[in-house]
Protein backbone atom coordinates (compact mmCIF):
# COMPACT_ATOMS: atom_id res chain seq x y z
CA MET A 1 64.51 106.72 87.58
CA ILE A 2 63.25 105.05 90.94
CA ASN A 3 60.06 105.57 92.81
CA ASN A 4 59.45 108.06 89.79
CA LEU A 5 62.22 110.40 91.11
CA ASN A 6 64.81 111.71 88.49
CA LEU A 7 67.92 111.37 90.95
CA LYS A 8 70.20 112.51 87.95
CA ALA A 9 68.45 115.81 88.24
CA LEU A 10 68.76 116.15 92.07
CA GLN A 11 72.70 115.22 91.85
CA ASP A 12 73.13 117.82 89.06
CA TYR A 13 71.87 120.19 91.31
CA ILE A 14 73.87 119.43 94.14
CA ASP A 15 76.82 119.63 92.13
CA LEU A 16 75.80 122.87 91.23
CA VAL A 17 75.37 123.85 94.64
CA LYS A 18 79.10 122.71 95.42
CA SER A 19 80.36 125.07 92.96
CA ASN A 20 78.41 127.82 93.88
CA SER A 21 76.75 128.29 97.30
CA SER A 22 74.76 131.05 96.57
CA GLU A 23 72.63 128.19 94.04
CA ALA A 24 71.54 126.95 97.47
CA VAL A 25 69.57 129.71 98.73
CA ALA A 26 65.69 129.48 98.30
CA THR A 27 63.19 131.95 98.83
CA PHE A 28 59.38 131.69 99.84
CA GLY A 29 56.80 133.67 100.78
CA VAL A 30 52.86 134.13 100.85
CA THR A 31 50.15 136.83 100.84
CA ALA A 32 47.22 136.34 103.19
CA ASN A 33 44.08 137.88 102.13
CA TRP A 34 40.95 137.83 104.36
CA GLN A 35 37.81 136.88 102.07
CA ASP A 36 34.90 136.78 104.97
CA GLY A 37 34.15 135.49 108.45
CA VAL A 38 37.52 133.33 109.28
CA ALA A 39 37.97 132.69 105.37
CA THR A 40 41.57 133.65 104.15
CA GLU A 41 42.80 133.08 100.76
CA ILE A 42 46.45 132.54 100.64
CA THR A 43 48.59 133.25 97.53
CA PRO A 44 52.08 131.87 97.59
CA HIS A 45 54.90 134.38 95.86
CA SER A 46 57.14 133.20 93.09
CA LYS A 47 59.73 131.31 94.60
CA LYS A 48 63.44 131.78 93.73
CA VAL A 49 65.78 128.77 93.89
CA GLY A 50 69.23 130.00 93.65
CA SER A 51 69.47 131.97 90.45
CA LYS A 52 66.26 130.50 89.16
CA LYS A 53 62.88 132.11 89.60
CA ILE A 54 59.71 129.96 89.68
CA ILE A 55 56.50 131.41 88.94
CA THR A 56 53.88 130.17 91.12
CA GLN A 57 50.26 130.30 89.93
CA PHE A 58 47.94 128.93 92.38
CA LYS A 59 45.81 130.10 95.57
CA TYR A 60 44.44 128.10 98.49
CA LEU A 61 41.55 128.97 101.26
CA ILE A 62 41.98 128.28 105.09
CA ASP A 63 38.87 127.93 107.09
CA GLU A 64 38.33 126.89 110.53
CA PRO A 65 35.99 124.56 111.89
CA LEU A 66 32.27 125.62 112.86
CA GLU A 67 33.41 125.58 116.34
CA LEU A 68 35.85 128.39 115.82
CA LEU A 69 33.66 130.48 113.57
CA GLY A 70 34.30 128.95 109.94
CA ASN A 71 32.51 127.10 107.72
CA ASP A 72 34.69 124.13 107.84
CA LYS A 73 34.72 123.89 104.16
CA ASN A 74 38.70 124.07 103.88
CA PRO A 75 41.65 123.20 105.97
CA ASN A 76 42.35 125.12 108.96
CA PRO A 77 45.78 126.63 109.65
CA GLN A 78 46.61 123.65 111.71
CA ASP A 79 45.99 121.05 108.98
CA TYR A 80 48.42 123.27 106.60
CA ILE A 81 51.37 123.29 109.23
CA LEU A 82 51.10 119.64 109.84
CA GLY A 83 50.29 119.04 105.99
CA GLY A 84 53.41 121.10 105.12
CA MET A 85 55.80 119.18 107.77
CA ALA A 86 54.28 115.81 106.53
CA GLY A 87 54.96 116.82 102.63
CA CYS A 88 58.32 117.96 103.57
CA MET A 89 59.22 114.94 105.42
CA MET A 90 57.78 112.73 102.83
CA VAL A 91 59.86 114.14 99.93
CA GLY A 92 62.76 113.40 102.11
CA PHE A 93 62.17 109.93 102.86
CA VAL A 94 61.40 109.03 99.15
CA ALA A 95 64.24 110.72 98.18
CA GLY A 96 66.18 109.19 100.69
CA ALA A 97 64.88 105.62 99.77
CA SER A 98 65.43 105.86 96.23
CA GLY A 99 68.82 107.07 96.87
CA LYS A 100 69.34 103.86 98.45
CA GLY A 101 68.00 102.01 95.55
CA ILE A 102 64.81 100.94 97.35
CA GLU A 103 61.47 100.63 95.51
CA LEU A 104 58.27 101.94 97.46
CA ARG A 105 55.02 100.54 96.86
CA ASN A 106 53.39 102.72 99.70
CA VAL A 107 54.31 105.12 102.48
CA GLN A 108 52.13 106.97 104.83
CA LEU A 109 53.13 109.45 107.27
CA ASP A 110 50.87 110.17 110.32
CA ILE A 111 51.45 113.12 112.08
CA ILE A 112 49.30 113.99 115.45
CA GLY A 113 49.13 116.64 117.91
CA GLU A 114 46.82 118.10 120.49
CA LEU A 115 45.89 121.89 121.07
CA ASP A 116 44.57 122.77 124.42
CA LEU A 117 42.17 125.69 123.00
CA ARG A 118 41.62 127.48 126.37
CA GLY A 119 45.31 128.86 125.32
CA PHE A 120 43.96 130.05 122.11
CA LEU A 121 40.59 131.22 123.53
CA ASN A 122 42.57 133.26 126.21
CA LEU A 123 40.97 131.27 129.08
CA ASP A 124 43.90 130.31 130.98
CA PRO A 125 47.20 131.94 130.93
CA ASP A 126 49.16 128.80 131.93
CA VAL A 127 48.07 126.86 128.68
CA ASN A 128 50.50 126.93 125.92
CA VAL A 129 48.69 128.21 122.65
CA GLY A 130 50.41 125.99 120.47
CA PHE A 131 50.95 122.05 120.11
CA GLU A 132 53.09 120.72 122.92
CA LYS A 133 54.07 117.91 121.34
CA LEU A 134 53.61 116.01 117.86
CA GLN A 135 54.08 112.41 117.10
CA PHE A 136 55.03 110.87 113.53
CA ASN A 137 54.63 107.56 112.43
CA PHE A 138 55.81 106.28 108.95
CA LYS A 139 54.49 103.13 107.77
CA VAL A 140 56.35 101.72 104.92
CA GLU A 141 55.77 98.87 101.97
CA GLY A 142 58.80 98.29 99.45
CA SER A 143 62.07 96.89 99.22
CA GLY A 144 63.68 97.62 102.17
CA THR A 145 64.53 96.79 105.60
CA GLN A 146 63.02 98.13 108.70
CA ASP A 147 66.48 99.34 109.51
CA GLN A 148 66.94 101.00 106.43
CA TYR A 149 63.79 103.10 107.09
CA ASP A 150 64.92 103.73 110.44
CA GLU A 151 68.13 105.49 109.03
CA ILE A 152 66.25 107.21 106.49
CA ILE A 153 63.55 108.53 108.98
CA GLU A 154 66.54 109.63 111.15
CA HIS A 155 68.08 111.47 108.40
CA VAL A 156 64.70 113.38 107.54
CA ARG A 157 64.53 113.94 111.17
CA LYS A 158 67.96 116.09 110.64
CA PHE A 159 67.42 117.45 107.28
CA SER A 160 63.92 118.06 106.63
CA PRO A 161 63.13 121.81 106.67
CA GLY A 162 59.85 121.43 107.37
CA TYR A 163 60.62 119.26 110.54
CA GLN A 164 63.10 121.26 111.71
CA THR A 165 61.46 124.62 111.34
CA ILE A 166 58.69 123.06 113.87
CA LEU A 167 61.60 121.48 115.94
CA ASN A 168 63.42 124.70 116.47
CA PRO A 169 62.58 128.47 117.34
CA VAL A 170 62.44 130.58 114.31
CA LYS A 171 63.35 134.26 114.58
CA ILE A 172 60.01 136.22 113.03
CA LEU A 173 60.37 139.84 112.39
CA THR A 174 57.33 142.17 112.08
CA ASN A 175 57.57 145.09 109.65
CA LYS A 176 58.95 147.09 111.98
CA GLU A 177 61.62 145.03 112.80
CA VAL A 178 63.22 144.39 109.28
C-alpha cells in the first residue's frame, strides 16, 4: 500500500473488467427534495458498480447565499459541482501518483470559476448562465518530480469522469424524452 491506497484491489477490479466489460458500468443517481425556501435535501441512490450494488445511506443539503434567498448554511449547487469535479480529479491524481510509487505528503487542488449572475437572474440574454471557464491548480508535496506530477495531471484531465463531464456536453433527458 502506498498513500493508503490498496492498489492490488484496483488491479483486481481492472482485471475483472478486462475479462467482463459489463463489470465496468457504474450507475449513479440522486433524488432532490425541496425543504423550504431554497434549501434542498439530496439523497443519493444506491450505486451499482458492475454487478455489485452499493447501498447508500446518507443525505446532504444544498442552500444558497443570503443574496440568492438562502440561509448560507450549506454549500450551494456550484460548490457541489466544483467539489465533485475536484474530488474526482483528486482520486485520479492520488491513484496515479501511487501507481508510480510516489509517496505524497500533501496535495491541494484549487478550482476557481466566475459566474455572471446577470444570466441566472435573466437580466441580460447575452450573458452565459454557467461558468465561462474554470481554472485549476494542483499544489503537490511528495517524492515525485514536477514532470511526473504534470504527467499525472494530464492523465487526470483525460480520464477523470468529473473533469470530462464538465468539459464535454452531456445529453440530458427529461422524463418525456426517455
